[in-house]
């Protein structure tokens, strides 16, 4: 799977970046920002899911969701 990339310039708070690198266990600004964006998107997805009316999901469907967006996701 091809990954779309965009080159951009950002002004990033150095202390915030260092804190994020430490917490996310990443190295370098690119890896840290990409990981932080992925984590933020996953967090919003989970919050929306929890706020939505619960539908009946099978254990298999829950496992699939975990592997698509969780720590075992293949695209990470």
PDB file of N, CA and C in Angstrom:
ATOM      1  N   UNK A   1       0.840  -1.178   0.000  1.00  0.00           N
ATOM      2  CA  UNK A   1       0.000   0.000   0.000  1.00  0.00           C
ATOM      3  C   UNK A   1       0.884   1.240   0.000  1.00  0.00           C
ATOM      4  N   UNK A   2       0.652   2.113  -0.958  1.00  0.00           N
ATOM      5  CA  UNK A   2       1.415   3.354  -1.064  1.00  0.00           C
ATOM      6  C   UNK A   2       0.918   4.350  -0.022  1.00  0.00           C
ATOM      7  N   UNK A   3       1.846   5.051   0.560  1.00  0.00           N
ATOM      8  CA  UNK A   3       1.506   6.047   1.569  1.00  0.00           C
ATOM      9  C   UNK A   3       1.707   7.428   0.966  1.00  0.00           C
ATOM     10  N   UNK A   4       0.657   8.240   1.005  1.00  0.00           N
ATOM     11  CA  UNK A   4       0.763   9.614   0.509  1.00  0.00           C
ATOM     12  C   UNK A   4       1.570  10.431   1.509  1.00  0.00           C
ATOM     13  N   UNK A   5       2.461  11.243   1.004  1.00  0.00           N
ATOM     14  CA  UNK A   5       3.290  12.066   1.869  1.00  0.00           C
ATOM     15  C   UNK A   5       3.202  13.512   1.424  1.00  0.00           C
ATOM     16  N   UNK A   6       3.328  14.403   2.400  1.00  0.00           N
ATOM     17  CA  UNK A   6       3.306  15.829   2.111  1.00  0.00           C
ATOM     18  C   UNK A   6       4.444  16.475   2.877  1.00  0.00           C
ATOM     19  N   UNK A   7       5.225  17.259   2.199  1.00  0.00           N
ATOM     20  CA  UNK A   7       6.309  17.984   2.842  1.00  0.00           C
ATOM     21  C   UNK A   7       5.781  19.347   3.256  1.00  0.00           C
ATOM     22  N   UNK A   8       5.993  19.693   4.511  1.00  0.00           N
ATOM     23  CA  UNK A   8       5.500  20.976   5.011  1.00  0.00           C
ATOM     24  C   UNK A   8       6.445  21.494   6.088  1.00  0.00           C
ATOM     25  N   UNK A   9       6.365  22.760   6.344  1.00  0.00           N
ATOM     26  CA  UNK A   9       7.143  23.371   7.427  1.00  0.00           C
ATOM     27  C   UNK A   9       6.195  23.720   8.556  1.00  0.00           C
ATOM     28  N   UNK A  10       6.604  23.405   9.769  1.00  0.00           N
ATOM     29  CA  UNK A  10       5.788  23.680  10.946  1.00  0.00           C
ATOM     30  C   UNK A  10       6.653  24.321  12.023  1.00  0.00           C
ATOM     31  N   UNK A  11       6.029  25.160  12.810  1.00  0.00           N
ATOM     32  CA  UNK A  11       6.668  25.672  14.012  1.00  0.00           C
ATOM     33  C   UNK A  11       6.115  24.834  15.163  1.00  0.00           C
ATOM     34  N   UNK A  12       6.984  24.071  15.794  1.00  0.00           N
ATOM     35  CA  UNK A  12       6.564  23.150  16.851  1.00  0.00           C
ATOM     36  C   UNK A  12       7.277  23.536  18.142  1.00  0.00           C
ATOM     37  N   UNK A  13       6.510  23.587  19.213  1.00  0.00           N
ATOM     38  CA  UNK A  13       7.061  23.865  20.535  1.00  0.00           C
ATOM     39  C   UNK A  13       8.074  22.761  20.869  1.00  0.00           C
ATOM     40  N   UNK A  14       9.325  23.123  21.084  1.00  0.00           N
ATOM     41  CA  UNK A  14      10.397  22.154  21.314  1.00  0.00           C
ATOM     42  C   UNK A  14      10.150  21.311  22.564  1.00  0.00           C
ATOM     43  N   UNK A  15       9.643  21.936  23.626  1.00  0.00           N
ATOM     44  CA  UNK A  15       9.372  21.189  24.859  1.00  0.00           C
ATOM     45  C   UNK A  15       8.224  20.209  24.662  1.00  0.00           C
ATOM     46  N   UNK A  16       7.196  20.633  23.941  1.00  0.00           N
ATOM     47  CA  UNK A  16       6.063  19.760  23.653  1.00  0.00           C
ATOM     48  C   UNK A  16       6.504  18.575  22.793  1.00  0.00           C
ATOM     49  N   UNK A  17       7.342  18.838  21.811  1.00  0.00           N
ATOM     50  CA  UNK A  17       7.864  17.768  20.958  1.00  0.00           C
ATOM     51  C   UNK A  17       8.678  16.772  21.781  1.00  0.00           C
ATOM     52  N   UNK A  18       9.532  17.275  22.636  1.00  0.00           N
ATOM     53  CA  UNK A  18      10.353  16.397  23.474  1.00  0.00           C
ATOM     54  C   UNK A  18       9.474  15.548  24.395  1.00  0.00           C
ATOM     55  N   UNK A  19       8.445  16.155  24.957  1.00  0.00           N
ATOM     56  CA  UNK A  19       7.522  15.422  25.831  1.00  0.00           C
ATOM     57  C   UNK A  19       6.786  14.340  25.046  1.00  0.00           C
ATOM     58  N   UNK A  20       6.320  14.685  23.848  1.00  0.00           N
ATOM     59  CA  UNK A  20       5.611  13.717  23.008  1.00  0.00           C
ATOM     60  C   UNK A  20       6.540  12.570  22.607  1.00  0.00           C
ATOM     61  N   UNK A  21       7.780  12.888  22.249  1.00  0.00           N
ATOM     62  CA  UNK A  21       8.744  11.840  21.890  1.00  0.00           C
ATOM     63  C   UNK A  21       8.948  10.873  23.050  1.00  0.00           C
ATOM     64  N   UNK A  22       9.053  11.411  24.236  1.00  0.00           N
ATOM     65  CA  UNK A  22       9.258  10.577  25.416  1.00  0.00           C
ATOM     66  C   UNK A  22       8.044   9.692  25.664  1.00  0.00           C
ATOM     67  N   UNK A  23       6.860  10.288  25.629  1.00  0.00           N
ATOM     68  CA  UNK A  23       5.638   9.537  25.921  1.00  0.00           C
ATOM     69  C   UNK A  23       5.291   8.524  24.828  1.00  0.00           C
ATOM     70  N   UNK A  24       5.516   8.900  23.585  1.00  0.00           N
ATOM     71  CA  UNK A  24       5.183   8.016  22.466  1.00  0.00           C
ATOM     72  C   UNK A  24       6.312   7.047  22.131  1.00  0.00           C
ATOM     73  N   UNK A  25       7.463   7.266  22.772  1.00  0.00           N
ATOM     74  CA  UNK A  25       8.653   6.440  22.529  1.00  0.00           C
ATOM     75  C   UNK A  25       9.035   6.467  21.052  1.00  0.00           C
ATOM     76  N   UNK A  26       9.100   7.670  20.507  1.00  0.00           N
ATOM     77  CA  UNK A  26       9.474   7.874  19.116  1.00  0.00           C
ATOM     78  C   UNK A  26      10.786   8.639  19.076  1.00  0.00           C
ATOM     79  N   UNK A  27      11.357   8.713  17.885  1.00  0.00           N
ATOM     80  CA  UNK A  27      12.584   9.507  17.740  1.00  0.00           C
ATOM     81  C   UNK A  27      12.451  10.372  16.497  1.00  0.00           C
ATOM     82  N   UNK A  28      12.699  11.623  16.675  1.00  0.00           N
ATOM     83  CA  UNK A  28      12.640  12.566  15.566  1.00  0.00           C
ATOM     84  C   UNK A  28      11.261  13.160  15.378  1.00  0.00           C
ATOM     85  N   UNK A  29      11.229  14.373  14.849  1.00  0.00           N
ATOM     86  CA  UNK A  29       9.968  15.092  14.690  1.00  0.00           C
ATOM     87  C   UNK A  29       8.977  14.400  13.755  1.00  0.00           C
ATOM     88  N   UNK A  30       9.442  13.854  12.643  1.00  0.00           N
ATOM     89  CA  UNK A  30       8.517  13.238  11.683  1.00  0.00           C
ATOM     90  C   UNK A  30       7.806  12.040  12.296  1.00  0.00           C
ATOM     91  N   UNK A  31       8.555  11.141  12.889  1.00  0.00           N
ATOM     92  CA  UNK A  31       7.948   9.962  13.515  1.00  0.00           C
ATOM     93  C   UNK A  31       7.010  10.377  14.650  1.00  0.00           C
ATOM     94  N   UNK A  32       7.420  11.359  15.433  1.00  0.00           N
ATOM     95  CA  UNK A  32       6.608  11.805  16.559  1.00  0.00           C
ATOM     96  C   UNK A  32       5.305  12.429  16.096  1.00  0.00           C
ATOM     97  N   UNK A  33       5.363  13.320  15.113  1.00  0.00           N
ATOM     98  CA  UNK A  33       4.150  13.974  14.613  1.00  0.00           C
ATOM     99  C   UNK A  33       3.224  12.947  13.967  1.00  0.00           C
ATOM    100  N   UNK A  34       3.771  12.047  13.136  1.00  0.00           N
ATOM    101  CA  UNK A  34       2.928  11.030  12.509  1.00  0.00           C
ATOM    102  C   UNK A  34       2.267  10.125  13.540  1.00  0.00           C
ATOM    103  N   UNK A  35       3.009   9.717  14.548  1.00  0.00           N
ATOM    104  CA  UNK A  35       2.447   8.870  15.604  1.00  0.00           C
ATOM    105  C   UNK A  35       1.392   9.625  16.393  1.00  0.00           C
ATOM    106  N   UNK A  36       1.660  10.884  16.706  1.00  0.00           N
ATOM    107  CA  UNK A  36       0.694  11.691  17.456  1.00  0.00           C
ATOM    108  C   UNK A  36      -0.594  11.894  16.659  1.00  0.00           C
ATOM    109  N   UNK A  37      -0.481  12.140  15.354  1.00  0.00           N
ATOM    110  CA  UNK A  37      -1.667  12.303  14.513  1.00  0.00           C
ATOM    111  C   UNK A  37      -2.469  11.000  14.453  1.00  0.00           C
ATOM    112  N   UNK A  38      -1.780   9.876  14.330  1.00  0.00           N
ATOM    113  CA  UNK A  38      -2.448   8.575  14.304  1.00  0.00           C
ATOM    114  C   UNK A  38      -3.183   8.327  15.635  1.00  0.00           C
ATOM    115  N   UNK A  39      -2.507   8.613  16.732  1.00  0.00           N
ATOM    116  CA  UNK A  39      -3.109   8.428  18.062  1.00  0.00           C
ATOM    117  C   UNK A  39      -4.322   9.339  18.239  1.00  0.00           C
ATOM    118  N   UNK A  40      -4.221  10.582  17.787  1.00  0.00           N
ATOM    119  CA  UNK A  40      -5.335  11.522  17.911  1.00  0.00           C
ATOM    120  C   UNK A  40      -6.538  11.045  17.108  1.00  0.00           C
ATOM    121  N   UNK A  41      -6.315  10.601  15.875  1.00  0.00           N
ATOM    122  CA  UNK A  41      -7.414  10.114  15.032  1.00  0.00           C
ATOM    123  C   UNK A  41      -8.064   8.882  15.652  1.00  0.00           C
ATOM    124  N   UNK A  42      -7.244   7.968  16.169  1.00  0.00           N
ATOM    125  CA  UNK A  42      -7.795   6.767  16.809  1.00  0.00           C
ATOM    126  C   UNK A  42      -8.600   7.114  18.060  1.00  0.00           C
ATOM    127  N   UNK A  43      -8.127   8.089  18.825  1.00  0.00           N
ATOM    128  CA  UNK A  43      -8.839   8.510  20.026  1.00  0.00           C
ATOM    129  C   UNK A  43     -10.216   9.070  19.673  1.00  0.00           C
ATOM    130  N   UNK A  44     -10.280   9.912  18.651  1.00  0.00           N
ATOM    131  CA  UNK A  44     -11.566  10.482  18.224  1.00  0.00           C
ATOM    132  C   UNK A  44     -12.499   9.383  17.734  1.00  0.00           C
ATOM    133  N   UNK A  45     -11.960   8.423  16.956  1.00  0.00           N
ATOM    134  CA  UNK A  45     -12.798   7.302  16.502  1.00  0.00           C
ATOM    135  C   UNK A  45     -13.385   6.531  17.681  1.00  0.00           C
ATOM    136  N   UNK A  46     -12.557   6.259  18.669  1.00  0.00           N
ATOM    137  CA  UNK A  46     -13.030   5.507  19.843  1.00  0.00           C
ATOM    138  C   UNK A  46     -14.079   6.306  20.623  1.00  0.00           C
ATOM    139  N   UNK A  47     -13.844   7.596  20.805  1.00  0.00           N
ATOM    140  CA  UNK A  47     -14.814   8.431  21.519  1.00  0.00           C
ATOM    141  C   UNK A  47     -16.145   8.472  20.788  1.00  0.00           C
ATOM    142  N   UNK A  48     -16.097   8.612  19.473  1.00  0.00           N
ATOM    143  CA  UNK A  48     -17.337   8.625  18.686  1.00  0.00           C
ATOM    144  C   UNK A  48     -18.054   7.293  18.778  1.00  0.00           C
ATOM    145  N   UNK A  49     -17.301   6.219  18.737  1.00  0.00           N
ATOM    146  CA  UNK A  49     -17.900   4.895  18.852  1.00  0.00           C
ATOM    147  C   UNK A  49     -18.589   4.732  20.205  1.00  0.00           C
ATOM    148  N   UNK A  50     -17.911   5.134  21.268  1.00  0.00           N
ATOM    149  CA  UNK A  50     -18.483   4.997  22.611  1.00  0.00           C
ATOM    150  C   UNK A  50     -19.693   5.902  22.813  1.00  0.00           C
ATOM    151  N   UNK A  51     -19.724   7.038  22.113  1.00  0.00           N
ATOM    152  CA  UNK A  51     -20.847   7.966  22.245  1.00  0.00           C
ATOM    153  C   UNK A  51     -22.033   7.566  21.384  1.00  0.00           C
ATOM    154  N   UNK A  52     -21.816   6.691  20.427  1.00  0.00           N
ATOM    155  CA  UNK A  52     -22.904   6.287  19.532  1.00  0.00           C
ATOM    156  C   UNK A  52     -23.768   5.227  20.202  1.00  0.00           C
ATOM    157  N   UNK A  53     -25.004   5.097  19.727  1.00  0.00           N
ATOM    158  CA  UNK A  53     -25.839   4.028  20.270  1.00  0.00           C
ATOM    159  C   UNK A  53     -25.143   2.694  20.034  1.00  0.00           C
ATOM    160  N   UNK A  54     -25.064   1.922  21.071  1.00  0.00           N
ATOM    161  CA  UNK A  54     -24.350   0.653  20.966  1.00  0.00           C
ATOM    162  C   UNK A  54     -25.127  -0.323  20.095  1.00  0.00           C
ATOM    163  N   UNK A  55     -24.415  -0.871  19.145  1.00  0.00           N
ATOM    164  CA  UNK A  55     -24.987  -1.919  18.331  1.00  0.00           C
ATOM    165  C   UNK A  55     -24.376  -3.229  18.790  1.00  0.00           C
ATOM    166  N   UNK A  56     -25.023  -4.298  18.478  1.00  0.00           N
ATOM    167  CA  UNK A  56     -24.494  -5.581  18.905  1.00  0.00           C
ATOM    168  C   UNK A  56     -23.346  -5.994  18.001  1.00  0.00           C
ATOM    169  N   UNK A  57     -22.194  -6.149  18.595  1.00  0.00           N
ATOM    170  CA  UNK A  57     -21.019  -6.584  17.858  1.00  0.00           C
ATOM    171  C   UNK A  57     -20.603  -7.951  18.371  1.00  0.00           C
ATOM    172  N   UNK A  58     -20.136  -8.766  17.450  1.00  0.00           N
ATOM    173  CA  UNK A  58     -19.629 -10.070  17.848  1.00  0.00           C
ATOM    174  C   UNK A  58     -18.206  -9.903  18.356  1.00  0.00           C
ATOM    175  N   UNK A  59     -17.712 -10.884  19.057  1.00  0.00           N
ATOM    176  CA  UNK A  59     -16.336 -10.850  19.532  1.00  0.00           C
ATOM    177  C   UNK A  59     -15.370 -10.758  18.342  1.00  0.00           C
ATOM    178  N   UNK A  60     -15.706 -11.432  17.258  1.00  0.00           N
ATOM    179  CA  UNK A  60     -14.876 -11.392  16.054  1.00  0.00           C
ATOM    180  C   UNK A  60     -14.811  -9.972  15.485  1.00  0.00           C
ATOM    181  N   UNK A  61     -15.941  -9.269  15.460  1.00  0.00           N
ATOM    182  CA  UNK A  61     -15.971  -7.894  14.959  1.00  0.00           C
ATOM    183  C   UNK A  61     -15.154  -6.969  15.856  1.00  0.00           C
ATOM    184  N   UNK A  62     -15.243  -7.165  17.164  1.00  0.00           N
ATOM    185  CA  UNK A  62     -14.445  -6.355  18.084  1.00  0.00           C
ATOM    186  C   UNK A  62     -12.954  -6.598  17.868  1.00  0.00           C
ATOM    187  N   UNK A  63     -12.570  -7.864  17.680  1.00  0.00           N
ATOM    188  CA  UNK A  63     -11.170  -8.196  17.427  1.00  0.00           C
ATOM    189  C   UNK A  63     -10.688  -7.523  16.141  1.00  0.00           C
ATOM    190  N   UNK A  64     -11.523  -7.560  15.113  1.00  0.00           N
ATOM    191  CA  UNK A  64     -11.173  -6.935  13.837  1.00  0.00           C
ATOM    192  C   UNK A  64     -10.949  -5.436  14.023  1.00  0.00           C
ATOM    193  N   UNK A  65     -11.817  -4.781  14.780  1.00  0.00           N
ATOM    194  CA  UNK A  65     -11.667  -3.348  15.034  1.00  0.00           C
ATOM    195  C   UNK A  65     -10.369  -3.072  15.776  1.00  0.00           C
ATOM    196  N   UNK A  66     -10.042  -3.907  16.726  1.00  0.00           N
ATOM    197  CA  UNK A  66      -8.798  -3.710  17.486  1.00  0.00           C
ATOM    198  C   UNK A  66      -7.589  -3.808  16.574  1.00  0.00           C
ATOM    199  N   UNK A  67      -7.626  -4.721  15.641  1.00  0.00           N
ATOM    200  CA  UNK A  67      -6.482  -4.919  14.753  1.00  0.00           C
ATOM    201  C   UNK A  67      -6.425  -3.887  13.638  1.00  0.00           C
ATOM    202  N   UNK A  68      -7.526  -3.214  13.350  1.00  0.00           N
ATOM    203  CA  UNK A  68      -7.518  -2.165  12.332  1.00  0.00           C
ATOM    204  C   UNK A  68      -7.002  -0.842  12.878  1.00  0.00           C
ATOM    205  N   UNK A  69      -7.297  -0.531  14.139  1.00  0.00           N
ATOM    206  CA  UNK A  69      -6.923   0.780  14.671  1.00  0.00           C
ATOM    207  C   UNK A  69      -6.105   0.710  15.952  1.00  0.00           C
ATOM    208  N   UNK A  70      -5.970  -0.439  16.517  1.00  0.00           N
ATOM    209  CA  UNK A  70      -5.276  -0.564  17.793  1.00  0.00           C
ATOM    210  C   UNK A  70      -3.782  -0.774  17.635  1.00  0.00           C
ATOM    211  N   UNK A  71      -3.143  -1.213  18.708  1.00  0.00           N
ATOM    212  CA  UNK A  71      -1.697  -1.372  18.698  1.00  0.00           C
ATOM    213  C   UNK A  71      -1.209  -2.459  17.747  1.00  0.00           C
ATOM    214  N   UNK A  72      -2.116  -3.308  17.268  1.00  0.00           N
ATOM    215  CA  UNK A  72      -1.725  -4.382  16.350  1.00  0.00           C
ATOM    216  C   UNK A  72      -2.019  -4.055  14.897  1.00  0.00           C
ATOM    217  N   UNK A  73      -2.398  -2.811  14.628  1.00  0.00           N
ATOM    218  CA  UNK A  73      -2.721  -2.396  13.258  1.00  0.00           C
ATOM    219  C   UNK A  73      -1.518  -2.626  12.352  1.00  0.00           C
ATOM    220  N   UNK A  74      -1.789  -3.117  11.157  1.00  0.00           N
ATOM    221  CA  UNK A  74      -0.724  -3.472  10.225  1.00  0.00           C
ATOM    222  C   UNK A  74      -0.109  -2.264   9.541  1.00  0.00           C
ATOM    223  N   UNK A  75      -0.849  -1.146   9.441  1.00  0.00           N
ATOM    224  CA  UNK A  75      -0.339   0.025   8.725  1.00  0.00           C
ATOM    225  C   UNK A  75       0.537   0.931   9.566  1.00  0.00           C
ATOM    226  N   UNK A  76       0.802   0.566  10.768  1.00  0.00           N
ATOM    227  CA  UNK A  76       1.595   1.438  11.640  1.00  0.00           C
ATOM    228  C   UNK A  76       3.066   1.173  11.525  1.00  0.00           C
TER     229      UNK A  76
END
